[in-house]
C-alpha atoms as a PDB file:
ATOM      1  CA  UNK A   1     -12.020  23.050   9.776  1.00  0.00           C
ATOM      2  CA  UNK A   2      -9.784  21.770   7.007  1.00  0.00           C
ATOM      3  CA  UNK A   3      -7.044  19.327   7.928  1.00  0.00           C
ATOM      4  CA  UNK A   4      -3.854  20.937   6.675  1.00  0.00           C
ATOM      5  CA  UNK A   5      -1.549  18.172   7.964  1.00  0.00           C
ATOM      6  CA  UNK A   6      -2.394  15.569   5.341  1.00  0.00           C
ATOM      7  CA  UNK A   7      -1.265  16.438   1.845  1.00  0.00           C
ATOM      8  CA  UNK A   8      -1.743  14.202  -1.204  1.00  0.00           C
ATOM      9  CA  UNK A   9       1.118  11.961  -2.246  1.00  0.00           C
ATOM     10  CA  UNK A  10       3.105  13.415  -5.120  1.00  0.00           C
ATOM     11  CA  UNK A  11       3.757  11.414  -8.309  1.00  0.00           C
ATOM     12  CA  UNK A  12       7.392  11.114  -7.195  1.00  0.00           C
ATOM     13  CA  UNK A  13       6.388   9.720  -3.787  1.00  0.00           C
ATOM     14  CA  UNK A  14       4.062   7.225  -5.443  1.00  0.00           C
ATOM     15  CA  UNK A  15       6.820   6.165  -7.834  1.00  0.00           C
ATOM     16  CA  UNK A  16       9.279   5.704  -4.977  1.00  0.00           C
ATOM     17  CA  UNK A  17       6.843   3.608  -2.923  1.00  0.00           C
ATOM     18  CA  UNK A  18       5.891   1.406  -5.874  1.00  0.00           C
ATOM     19  CA  UNK A  19       9.543   1.048  -6.904  1.00  0.00           C
ATOM     20  CA  UNK A  20      10.596   0.059  -3.421  1.00  0.00           C
ATOM     21  CA  UNK A  21       7.901  -2.594  -3.095  1.00  0.00           C
ATOM     22  CA  UNK A  22       8.898  -3.902  -6.535  1.00  0.00           C
ATOM     23  CA  UNK A  23      12.486  -4.217  -5.273  1.00  0.00           C
ATOM     24  CA  UNK A  24      11.333  -6.007  -2.119  1.00  0.00           C
ATOM     25  CA  UNK A  25       9.293  -8.656  -3.950  1.00  0.00           C
ATOM     26  CA  UNK A  26      11.669  -9.012  -6.904  1.00  0.00           C
ATOM     27  CA  UNK A  27      14.661  -9.750  -4.679  1.00  0.00           C
ATOM     28  CA  UNK A  28      12.624 -11.483  -1.963  1.00  0.00           C
ATOM     29  CA  UNK A  29      14.203  -9.362   0.755  1.00  0.00           C
ATOM     30  CA  UNK A  30      11.851  -7.645   3.194  1.00  0.00           C
ATOM     31  CA  UNK A  31      14.905  -5.887   4.655  1.00  0.00           C
ATOM     32  CA  UNK A  32      14.857  -3.714   1.509  1.00  0.00           C
ATOM     33  CA  UNK A  33      11.539  -2.147   2.571  1.00  0.00           C
ATOM     34  CA  UNK A  34      12.082   1.564   3.175  1.00  0.00           C
ATOM     35  CA  UNK A  35      10.545   3.615   5.956  1.00  0.00           C
ATOM     36  CA  UNK A  36       8.478   5.488   3.343  1.00  0.00           C
ATOM     37  CA  UNK A  37       6.965   2.289   1.908  1.00  0.00           C
ATOM     38  CA  UNK A  38       6.469   0.858   5.408  1.00  0.00           C
ATOM     39  CA  UNK A  39       4.629   4.008   6.504  1.00  0.00           C
ATOM     40  CA  UNK A  40       2.352   3.717   3.482  1.00  0.00           C
ATOM     41  CA  UNK A  41       1.605   0.013   3.972  1.00  0.00           C
ATOM     42  CA  UNK A  42       0.995  -0.079   7.692  1.00  0.00           C
ATOM     43  CA  UNK A  43      -1.483   2.773   7.355  1.00  0.00           C
ATOM     44  CA  UNK A  44      -3.393   0.877   4.651  1.00  0.00           C
ATOM     45  CA  UNK A  45      -6.472  -1.181   5.531  1.00  0.00           C
ATOM     46  CA  UNK A  46      -5.576  -4.790   6.291  1.00  0.00           C
ATOM     47  CA  UNK A  47      -2.125  -4.101   7.725  1.00  0.00           C
ATOM     48  CA  UNK A  48      -0.740  -3.352  11.156  1.00  0.00           C
ATOM     49  CA  UNK A  49       2.525  -1.730  12.141  1.00  0.00           C
ATOM     50  CA  UNK A  50       4.046  -4.785  13.872  1.00  0.00           C
ATOM     51  CA  UNK A  51       5.556  -2.280  16.335  1.00  0.00           C
ATOM     52  CA  UNK A  52       8.032  -0.778  13.852  1.00  0.00           C
ATOM     53  CA  UNK A  53       9.714  -1.202  10.475  1.00  0.00           C
ATOM     54  CA  UNK A  54      11.875  -4.115  11.669  1.00  0.00           C
ATOM     55  CA  UNK A  55       8.852  -5.913  13.102  1.00  0.00           C
ATOM     56  CA  UNK A  56       6.959  -5.452   9.816  1.00  0.00           C
ATOM     57  CA  UNK A  57       9.950  -6.725   7.841  1.00  0.00           C
ATOM     58  CA  UNK A  58      10.096  -9.776  10.092  1.00  0.00           C
ATOM     59  CA  UNK A  59       6.363 -10.447   9.760  1.00  0.00           C
ATOM     60  CA  UNK A  60       6.666 -10.328   5.969  1.00  0.00           C
ATOM     61  CA  UNK A  61      10.003 -12.072   5.599  1.00  0.00           C
ATOM     62  CA  UNK A  62       8.227 -14.151   2.964  1.00  0.00           C
ATOM     63  CA  UNK A  63       7.752 -11.372   0.435  1.00  0.00           C
ATOM     64  CA  UNK A  64       5.374 -13.492  -1.654  1.00  0.00           C
ATOM     65  CA  UNK A  65       2.991 -13.360   1.327  1.00  0.00           C
ATOM     66  CA  UNK A  66       3.378  -9.578   1.438  1.00  0.00           C
ATOM     67  CA  UNK A  67       2.524  -9.300  -2.267  1.00  0.00           C
ATOM     68  CA  UNK A  68      -0.587 -11.455  -1.876  1.00  0.00           C
ATOM     69  CA  UNK A  69      -1.658  -9.576   1.268  1.00  0.00           C
ATOM     70  CA  UNK A  70      -1.436  -6.300  -0.644  1.00  0.00           C
ATOM     71  CA  UNK A  71      -3.563  -7.694  -3.473  1.00  0.00           C
ATOM     72  CA  UNK A  72      -6.054  -9.252  -1.060  1.00  0.00           C
ATOM     73  CA  UNK A  73      -6.682  -5.860   0.540  1.00  0.00           C
ATOM     74  CA  UNK A  74      -7.109  -3.862  -2.668  1.00  0.00           C
ATOM     75  CA  UNK A  75     -10.881  -3.435  -2.303  1.00  0.00           C
ATOM     76  CA  UNK A  76     -10.418  -2.130   1.237  1.00  0.00           C
ATOM     77  CA  UNK A  77      -8.016   0.594   0.092  1.00  0.00           C
ATOM     78  CA  UNK A  78     -10.069   2.558  -2.401  1.00  0.00           C
ATOM     79  CA  UNK A  79     -11.427   5.149   0.059  1.00  0.00           C
ATOM     80  CA  UNK A  80     -14.663   5.369  -1.917  1.00  0.00           C
ATOM     81  CA  UNK A  81     -16.447   7.025   0.990  1.00  0.00           C
ATOM     82  CA  UNK A  82     -14.812  10.362   0.117  1.00  0.00           C
ATOM     83  CA  UNK A  83     -16.425  12.573  -2.500  1.00  0.00           C
ATOM     84  CA  UNK A  84     -14.835  15.261  -4.644  1.00  0.00           C
ATOM     85  CA  UNK A  85     -14.825  18.573  -2.804  1.00  0.00           C
ATOM     86  CA  UNK A  86     -14.798  16.996   0.648  1.00  0.00           C
ATOM     87  CA  UNK A  87     -12.008  17.590   3.114  1.00  0.00           C
ATOM     88  CA  UNK A  88      -9.179  15.075   2.543  1.00  0.00           C
ATOM     89  CA  UNK A  89     -10.613  13.826  -0.771  1.00  0.00           C
ATOM     90  CA  UNK A  90      -7.384  14.567  -2.674  1.00  0.00           C
ATOM     91  CA  UNK A  91      -5.278  12.940   0.045  1.00  0.00           C
ATOM     92  CA  UNK A  92      -7.245   9.696   0.055  1.00  0.00           C
ATOM     93  CA  UNK A  93      -7.494   9.542  -3.728  1.00  0.00           C
ATOM     94  CA  UNK A  94      -3.692   9.835  -3.900  1.00  0.00           C
ATOM     95  CA  UNK A  95      -3.457   6.908  -1.478  1.00  0.00           C
ATOM     96  CA  UNK A  96      -5.847   4.886  -3.655  1.00  0.00           C
ATOM     97  CA  UNK A  97      -3.799   5.777  -6.750  1.00  0.00           C
ATOM     98  CA  UNK A  98      -0.621   4.583  -5.024  1.00  0.00           C
ATOM     99  CA  UNK A  99      -2.244   1.382  -3.751  1.00  0.00           C
ATOM    100  CA  UNK A 100      -3.627   0.617  -7.206  1.00  0.00           C
ATOM    101  CA  UNK A 101      -0.233   1.260  -8.804  1.00  0.00           C
ATOM    102  CA  UNK A 102       1.325  -1.213  -6.355  1.00  0.00           C
ATOM    103  CA  UNK A 103      -1.348  -3.793  -7.213  1.00  0.00           C
ATOM    104  CA  UNK A 104      -0.881  -3.260 -10.959  1.00  0.00           C
ATOM    105  CA  UNK A 105       2.869  -3.749 -10.573  1.00  0.00           C
ATOM    106  CA  UNK A 106       2.400  -6.932  -8.511  1.00  0.00           C
ATOM    107  CA  UNK A 107      -0.068  -8.329 -11.040  1.00  0.00           C
ATOM    108  CA  UNK A 108       2.409  -7.527 -13.827  1.00  0.00           C
ATOM    109  CA  UNK A 109       4.957  -9.602 -11.886  1.00  0.00           C
ATOM    110  CA  UNK A 110       2.498 -12.526 -11.853  1.00  0.00           C
ATOM    111  CA  UNK A 111       1.062 -12.256  -8.347  1.00  0.00           C
ATOM    112  CA  UNK A 112      -2.629 -12.949  -7.856  1.00  0.00           C
ATOM    113  CA  UNK A 113      -5.059 -12.245  -5.036  1.00  0.00           C
ATOM    114  CA  UNK A 114      -6.287 -15.293  -3.142  1.00  0.00           C
ATOM    115  CA  UNK A 115      -9.569 -13.644  -2.079  1.00  0.00           C
ATOM    116  CA  UNK A 116     -12.454 -12.753  -4.372  1.00  0.00           C
ATOM    117  CA  UNK A 117     -12.604  -9.183  -5.716  1.00  0.00           C
ATOM    118  CA  UNK A 118     -14.454  -6.959  -3.292  1.00  0.00           C
ATOM    119  CA  UNK A 119     -13.875  -9.245  -0.317  1.00  0.00           C
ATOM    120  CA  UNK A 120     -13.942  -7.151   2.811  1.00  0.00           C
ATOM    121  CA  UNK A 121     -13.498  -7.541   6.509  1.00  0.00           C
END
């Protein structure tokens, strides 16, 4: 049975998430993190919800640590176990596209991962 509840992220949603995370790290204010960006991040590999948006904001009050954590988990957020034509393939590829866009933006801002490429759990 196909899962009809999970639809791929739209280009606009991806742009909004990336833009919000850019704002958070540029201004150094985790309080700027939106619910949409929080929902994306806490569902990514390597992150937990910290109970709610406010808890997540508090855990990543140092936004430089958030940026590095995102980069450090890039390899774990590629969803390479899904193949074209499989159920949810488009959904997970849109998540990978968004995650990679976030990483590209952070690297453009000068952030670097502190773990080797491909480092996993």
